[in-house]
Amino acid sequence: MEHLSLPSGYTQATNVRESARLLFEPARGGVLSWNTYAPTGRIAFRLLRAHVPATPWLDYALWHPNGSTSFSPEHEGVRVDVDVIRAEQPFDGIDVRAWEIDFSLIAFSSPARPRPSLPYARDAFILDVPARSQYVSEGERGWCSPASLSMINAYHGIDVAVDDTARAVFDRSYNGTGNWSFNVAYSGSLGLRGVVAHLRNLDHAQRLIERNLPVAISYSWRDGELPNAPLEHSDGHLAVLCGFTSAGDCAINDPAAPNVRVVYARDAIESIWQRNDGVAYVVAPGGIDYASILDSP
């Protein structure tokens, strides 16, 4: 098992058989990611304080070809909101286990301390990410996450339609397709590496994009906060950050926009994204380093 622990709050272990211990700077919350080819499994965790178990084992999720389920357990100041682990007291590690499962990767990410990005100082750099709408099935309007994931997977050469992606990431308990852990796990099941990460700012994201890694970013906005947005407001949305114009504004594949490809003001995107802890899907082909970038200053 190869282990990488980074002071940013991101840590991962690769080539894991059944269980892993991940250590990081003290946090009060974060998200688990896992990649495996196993078609079915049940994953559980316990939190550590001072690197000693501080909770019993709590079921996190079950995945199965016929439907996956998040468990959202609660125990003495610890709770899981679908995919986000939250604790009243800080913890500095997590044990993860799934019986008889071989993982290519297990990771945990907690929010990074945000800071403003620097003024953009290079030519336009925009990745040619396939454009896909979230409105591919009549009556379904909340498929921004699988649409964004489908775009990124296709960019990396694995072309799965939005509706098929939506079925694969659907969380029966949450009754939706927006479970972050299930989304990146699906990319992992296709042979990619996929993790939920917390990025500091757009400079942080730019380093990934310059490595040909578009990222799906999670944000919300109120009336007037995102000029030219397809909706007046949203409590939660995902879109693909493909790069930057020469002025530094964000070239985004927004699955809710009529033509998908849009340009949003840099300051507006950074503000509403950082408010949501800088959450991003980072998906990479095997052999492409992304983990060291997650800790880049």
Protein backbone atom coordinates (compact mmCIF):
# COMPACT_ATOMS: atom_id res chain seq x y z
CA MET A 1 0.00 0.00 0.00
CA GLU A 2 1.34 3.40 -1.00
CA HIS A 3 0.40 6.24 1.33
CA LEU A 4 0.52 10.01 0.85
CA SER A 5 -0.38 12.44 3.63
CA LEU A 6 -0.43 16.14 2.84
CA PRO A 7 -0.71 19.08 5.24
CA SER A 8 -3.56 20.57 3.20
CA GLY A 9 -6.00 18.03 4.63
CA TYR A 10 -5.87 15.81 1.56
CA THR A 11 -4.52 12.32 2.05
CA GLN A 12 -4.72 9.17 -0.02
CA ALA A 13 -3.61 5.56 -0.01
CA THR A 14 -3.25 3.51 -3.19
CA ASN A 15 -3.31 -0.24 -3.79
CA VAL A 16 -5.34 -0.96 -0.64
CA ARG A 17 -6.64 -4.36 0.43
CA GLU A 18 -9.73 -4.02 2.66
CA SER A 19 -8.59 -1.22 4.99
CA ALA A 20 -6.48 1.93 5.28
CA ARG A 21 -5.58 4.52 7.90
CA LEU A 22 -5.37 8.10 6.62
CA LEU A 23 -3.81 10.88 8.72
CA PHE A 24 -4.06 14.64 8.19
CA GLU A 25 -4.17 18.02 9.88
CA PRO A 26 -7.05 18.35 12.40
CA ALA A 27 -10.40 18.95 10.71
CA ARG A 28 -14.07 19.03 11.58
CA GLY A 29 -15.31 17.67 8.28
CA GLY A 30 -14.49 16.19 4.92
CA VAL A 31 -15.37 13.70 2.21
CA LEU A 32 -14.26 10.14 1.52
CA SER A 33 -13.35 8.96 -1.99
CA TRP A 34 -12.65 5.45 -3.18
CA ASN A 35 -11.81 3.80 -6.49
CA THR A 36 -12.33 0.10 -7.06
CA TYR A 37 -13.37 -2.32 -9.78
CA ALA A 38 -15.43 -4.33 -7.28
CA PRO A 39 -19.07 -4.24 -8.48
CA THR A 40 -20.48 -4.31 -4.97
CA GLY A 41 -19.23 -3.45 -1.50
CA ARG A 42 -19.95 -1.76 1.80
CA ILE A 43 -17.59 0.88 3.17
CA ALA A 44 -17.33 2.02 6.80
CA PHE A 45 -15.16 4.48 8.74
CA ARG A 46 -14.14 5.50 12.23
CA LEU A 47 -12.57 8.81 13.19
CA LEU A 48 -9.25 9.21 15.01
CA ARG A 49 -8.14 11.80 17.53
CA ALA A 50 -4.44 11.97 18.36
CA HIS A 51 -4.23 9.05 15.90
CA VAL A 52 -6.31 6.87 18.24
CA PRO A 53 -9.82 5.57 17.36
CA ALA A 54 -12.40 7.97 18.80
CA THR A 55 -15.63 6.56 17.35
CA PRO A 56 -17.02 3.11 16.63
CA TRP A 57 -17.19 1.92 13.04
CA LEU A 58 -19.94 3.78 11.16
CA ASP A 59 -21.38 2.61 7.85
CA TYR A 60 -20.78 5.19 5.12
CA ALA A 61 -22.18 3.70 1.92
CA LEU A 62 -23.06 0.59 -0.02
CA TRP A 63 -22.58 0.33 -3.76
CA HIS A 64 -24.24 -2.23 -6.02
CA PRO A 65 -25.08 -2.50 -9.74
CA ASN A 66 -28.78 -2.46 -8.84
CA GLY A 67 -28.49 0.71 -6.80
CA SER A 68 -26.20 2.39 -4.28
CA THR A 69 -27.11 3.85 -0.90
CA SER A 70 -25.55 6.35 1.50
CA PHE A 71 -26.26 5.70 5.18
CA SER A 72 -25.82 9.14 6.85
CA PRO A 73 -25.07 7.76 10.35
CA GLU A 74 -24.90 9.82 13.54
CA HIS A 75 -22.97 9.11 16.75
CA GLU A 76 -22.11 11.42 19.67
CA GLY A 77 -21.33 14.61 17.79
CA VAL A 78 -20.44 12.93 14.50
CA ARG A 79 -22.83 12.81 11.58
CA VAL A 80 -22.73 12.21 7.86
CA ASP A 81 -24.81 14.43 5.57
CA VAL A 82 -25.07 12.14 2.54
CA ASP A 83 -21.36 12.32 1.64
CA VAL A 84 -19.88 14.93 4.03
CA ILE A 85 -18.56 13.74 7.39
CA ARG A 86 -19.02 16.38 10.10
CA ALA A 87 -17.80 16.35 13.71
CA GLU A 88 -18.26 18.75 16.60
CA GLN A 89 -14.70 18.01 17.79
CA PRO A 90 -11.66 18.02 15.48
CA PHE A 91 -10.23 14.72 14.28
CA ASP A 92 -6.85 14.04 12.69
CA GLY A 93 -7.33 10.73 10.96
CA ILE A 94 -9.78 8.22 9.63
CA ASP A 95 -9.80 4.45 9.37
CA VAL A 96 -11.64 3.07 6.35
CA ARG A 97 -12.59 -0.54 5.65
CA ALA A 98 -14.58 -2.67 3.23
CA TRP A 99 -14.36 -6.43 3.62
CA GLU A 100 -12.72 -8.34 0.76
CA ILE A 101 -12.44 -5.25 -1.45
CA ASP A 102 -9.30 -4.28 -3.36
CA PHE A 103 -9.09 -0.52 -3.83
CA SER A 104 -6.88 1.25 -6.31
CA LEU A 105 -7.34 4.33 -4.13
CA ILE A 106 -8.90 5.55 -0.89
CA ALA A 107 -8.74 9.27 -0.12
CA PHE A 108 -10.03 11.84 2.34
CA SER A 109 -10.23 15.58 1.79
CA SER A 110 -11.12 18.33 4.24
CA PRO A 111 -11.66 22.03 3.44
CA ALA A 112 -8.53 24.03 2.68
CA ARG A 113 -8.08 27.58 3.93
CA PRO A 114 -9.21 29.78 1.00
CA ARG A 115 -7.30 32.80 -0.22
CA PRO A 116 -7.78 35.09 -3.22
CA SER A 117 -6.12 34.03 -6.44
CA LEU A 118 -3.54 36.24 -8.09
CA PRO A 119 -4.29 38.24 -11.24
CA TYR A 120 -4.21 35.94 -14.28
CA ALA A 121 -0.97 36.46 -16.21
CA ARG A 122 -0.81 34.20 -19.26
CA ASP A 123 -2.50 33.67 -22.60
CA ALA A 124 -5.91 32.04 -22.81
CA PHE A 125 -5.74 28.36 -21.86
CA ILE A 126 -8.94 26.38 -22.42
CA LEU A 127 -9.25 22.61 -22.62
CA ASP A 128 -11.51 21.17 -25.33
CA VAL A 129 -13.95 19.40 -23.03
CA PRO A 130 -17.02 17.87 -24.74
CA ALA A 131 -20.16 19.91 -24.07
CA ARG A 132 -23.12 18.07 -22.55
CA SER A 133 -26.44 19.27 -21.17
CA GLN A 134 -28.02 18.09 -17.95
CA TYR A 135 -31.43 18.25 -19.65
CA VAL A 136 -31.27 14.97 -21.55
CA SER A 137 -34.23 13.24 -19.93
CA GLU A 138 -37.70 14.72 -19.76
CA GLY A 139 -38.62 15.69 -16.23
CA GLU A 140 -35.06 15.48 -14.90
CA ARG A 141 -33.55 18.85 -14.04
CA GLY A 142 -31.03 18.01 -11.33
CA TRP A 143 -28.44 16.10 -13.34
CA CYS A 144 -25.69 18.73 -13.22
CA SER A 145 -23.32 16.35 -11.40
CA PRO A 146 -23.54 13.35 -13.77
CA ALA A 147 -23.49 15.71 -16.76
CA SER A 148 -20.29 17.32 -15.49
CA LEU A 149 -18.76 13.92 -14.71
CA SER A 150 -19.74 12.61 -18.15
CA MET A 151 -17.96 15.57 -19.78
CA ILE A 152 -14.76 14.99 -17.82
CA ASN A 153 -14.76 11.22 -18.37
CA ALA A 154 -15.28 11.77 -22.10
CA TYR A 155 -12.40 14.26 -22.18
CA HIS A 156 -10.22 11.46 -20.82
CA GLY A 157 -11.46 9.06 -23.51
CA ILE A 158 -14.24 7.21 -21.67
CA ASP A 159 -17.51 8.23 -23.29
CA VAL A 160 -20.57 7.37 -21.20
CA ALA A 161 -23.83 9.19 -21.86
CA VAL A 162 -25.25 11.54 -19.24
CA ASP A 163 -28.31 9.39 -18.53
CA ASP A 164 -26.19 6.24 -18.11
CA THR A 165 -23.85 8.16 -15.81
CA ALA A 166 -26.84 9.40 -13.80
CA ARG A 167 -28.08 5.86 -13.28
CA ALA A 168 -24.62 4.72 -12.20
CA VAL A 169 -24.19 7.44 -9.53
CA PHE A 170 -27.76 7.53 -8.25
CA ASP A 171 -28.04 7.42 -4.44
CA ARG A 172 -31.24 5.66 -3.39
CA SER A 173 -31.17 7.17 0.09
CA TYR A 174 -30.48 10.72 -1.05
CA ASN A 175 -32.80 10.13 -4.03
CA GLY A 176 -30.53 12.02 -6.36
CA THR A 177 -27.36 11.99 -8.45
CA GLY A 178 -25.35 14.56 -6.51
CA ASN A 179 -23.51 12.30 -4.04
CA TRP A 180 -19.93 13.48 -4.55
CA SER A 181 -18.34 10.23 -3.37
CA PHE A 182 -20.48 8.10 -5.69
CA ASN A 183 -19.62 10.32 -8.65
CA VAL A 184 -15.85 10.03 -8.34
CA ALA A 185 -16.17 6.33 -7.46
CA TYR A 186 -17.84 5.84 -10.83
CA SER A 187 -14.87 7.38 -12.63
CA GLY A 188 -12.67 5.03 -10.63
CA SER A 189 -14.72 2.02 -11.72
CA LEU A 190 -14.06 3.01 -15.35
CA GLY A 191 -10.28 2.86 -14.89
CA LEU A 192 -9.62 6.52 -14.06
CA ARG A 193 -8.56 8.00 -10.75
CA GLY A 194 -11.29 10.15 -9.24
CA VAL A 195 -11.32 12.05 -5.95
CA VAL A 196 -13.27 14.78 -4.21
CA ALA A 197 -10.86 17.59 -3.33
CA HIS A 198 -11.05 20.98 -1.67
CA LEU A 199 -9.09 23.57 -3.64
CA ARG A 200 -7.96 26.92 -2.26
CA ASN A 201 -8.69 29.15 -5.23
CA LEU A 202 -8.64 29.41 -9.01
CA ASP A 203 -4.83 29.44 -9.06
CA HIS A 204 -4.99 26.01 -7.43
CA ALA A 205 -7.44 24.80 -10.07
CA GLN A 206 -5.29 26.31 -12.83
CA ARG A 207 -2.39 24.01 -11.93
CA LEU A 208 -4.62 21.01 -12.55
CA ILE A 209 -5.97 22.42 -15.80
CA GLU A 210 -2.43 23.07 -17.03
CA ARG A 211 -1.85 19.34 -16.51
CA ASN A 212 -4.83 18.68 -18.83
CA LEU A 213 -7.15 17.91 -15.94
CA PRO A 214 -10.46 19.81 -16.16
CA VAL A 215 -12.26 19.93 -12.81
CA ALA A 216 -15.92 19.91 -11.87
CA ILE A 217 -16.57 22.61 -9.29
CA SER A 218 -19.47 22.87 -6.85
CA TYR A 219 -21.00 26.26 -6.12
CA SER A 220 -24.24 28.05 -5.27
CA TRP A 221 -25.40 31.58 -5.90
CA ARG A 222 -28.07 34.06 -4.97
CA ASP A 223 -29.88 36.51 -7.21
CA GLY A 224 -27.38 38.81 -8.92
CA GLU A 225 -24.24 36.98 -7.78
CA LEU A 226 -23.46 35.24 -11.10
CA PRO A 227 -24.11 37.46 -14.12
CA ASN A 228 -25.25 35.56 -17.24
CA ALA A 229 -26.06 32.41 -15.26
CA PRO A 230 -28.84 30.26 -16.79
CA LEU A 231 -30.74 30.36 -13.47
CA GLU A 232 -31.40 33.31 -11.18
CA HIS A 233 -30.16 31.36 -8.18
CA SER A 234 -29.19 27.86 -7.11
CA ASP A 235 -28.68 26.10 -3.79
CA GLY A 236 -26.09 23.82 -5.36
CA HIS A 237 -24.70 23.28 -8.85
CA LEU A 238 -21.78 21.58 -10.58
CA ALA A 239 -20.08 22.64 -13.78
CA VAL A 240 -16.76 21.93 -15.48
CA LEU A 241 -13.99 24.50 -15.25
CA CYS A 242 -12.20 24.09 -18.60
CA GLY A 243 -9.74 26.97 -18.39
CA PHE A 244 -9.35 30.71 -18.58
CA THR A 245 -9.64 33.48 -21.14
CA SER A 246 -6.77 35.90 -21.71
CA ALA A 247 -8.50 38.22 -19.22
CA GLY A 248 -8.53 35.43 -16.61
CA ASP A 249 -12.27 34.85 -16.68
CA CYS A 250 -13.53 31.30 -16.32
CA ALA A 251 -14.32 29.19 -19.38
CA ILE A 252 -16.92 26.79 -18.07
CA ASN A 253 -19.01 23.98 -19.48
CA ASP A 254 -22.22 24.69 -17.58
CA PRO A 255 -24.64 21.80 -18.15
CA ALA A 256 -27.58 24.09 -17.30
CA ALA A 257 -26.68 26.70 -19.92
CA PRO A 258 -28.38 26.52 -23.35
CA ASN A 259 -25.09 26.23 -25.27
CA VAL A 260 -23.18 24.68 -22.31
CA ARG A 261 -19.91 26.61 -22.94
CA VAL A 262 -20.03 29.94 -21.14
CA VAL A 263 -17.62 32.50 -19.71
CA TYR A 264 -18.22 33.72 -16.16
CA ALA A 265 -16.38 36.51 -14.36
CA ARG A 266 -13.37 35.25 -12.44
CA ASP A 267 -14.17 37.07 -9.21
CA ALA A 268 -17.79 35.91 -9.23
CA ILE A 269 -16.91 32.22 -9.67
CA GLU A 270 -14.14 32.26 -7.11
CA SER A 271 -16.36 33.91 -4.50
CA ILE A 272 -19.32 31.55 -4.80
CA TRP A 273 -17.10 28.47 -5.16
CA GLN A 274 -14.95 29.29 -2.12
CA ARG A 275 -18.14 29.80 -0.14
CA ASN A 276 -18.81 26.10 -0.87
CA ASP A 277 -15.36 25.10 0.44
CA GLY A 278 -13.76 24.90 -3.01
CA VAL A 279 -15.16 21.41 -3.61
CA ALA A 280 -14.08 19.84 -6.89
CA TYR A 281 -14.08 16.51 -8.70
CA VAL A 282 -10.52 15.77 -9.78
CA VAL A 283 -10.39 12.97 -12.36
CA ALA A 284 -7.17 11.79 -13.98
CA PRO A 285 -5.93 8.93 -16.15
CA GLY A 286 -3.66 6.48 -14.37
CA GLY A 287 -0.09 7.70 -14.11
CA ILE A 288 -0.97 11.42 -14.16
CA ASP A 289 0.03 13.05 -10.88
CA TYR A 290 -2.62 15.24 -9.30
CA ALA A 291 -2.05 14.55 -5.58
CA SER A 292 1.04 16.76 -5.31
CA ILE A 293 -0.91 19.61 -6.94
CA LEU A 294 -3.60 19.34 -4.28
CA ASP A 295 -0.97 20.45 -1.79
CA SER A 296 0.67 23.07 -3.98
CA PRO A 297 0.91 26.56 -2.42
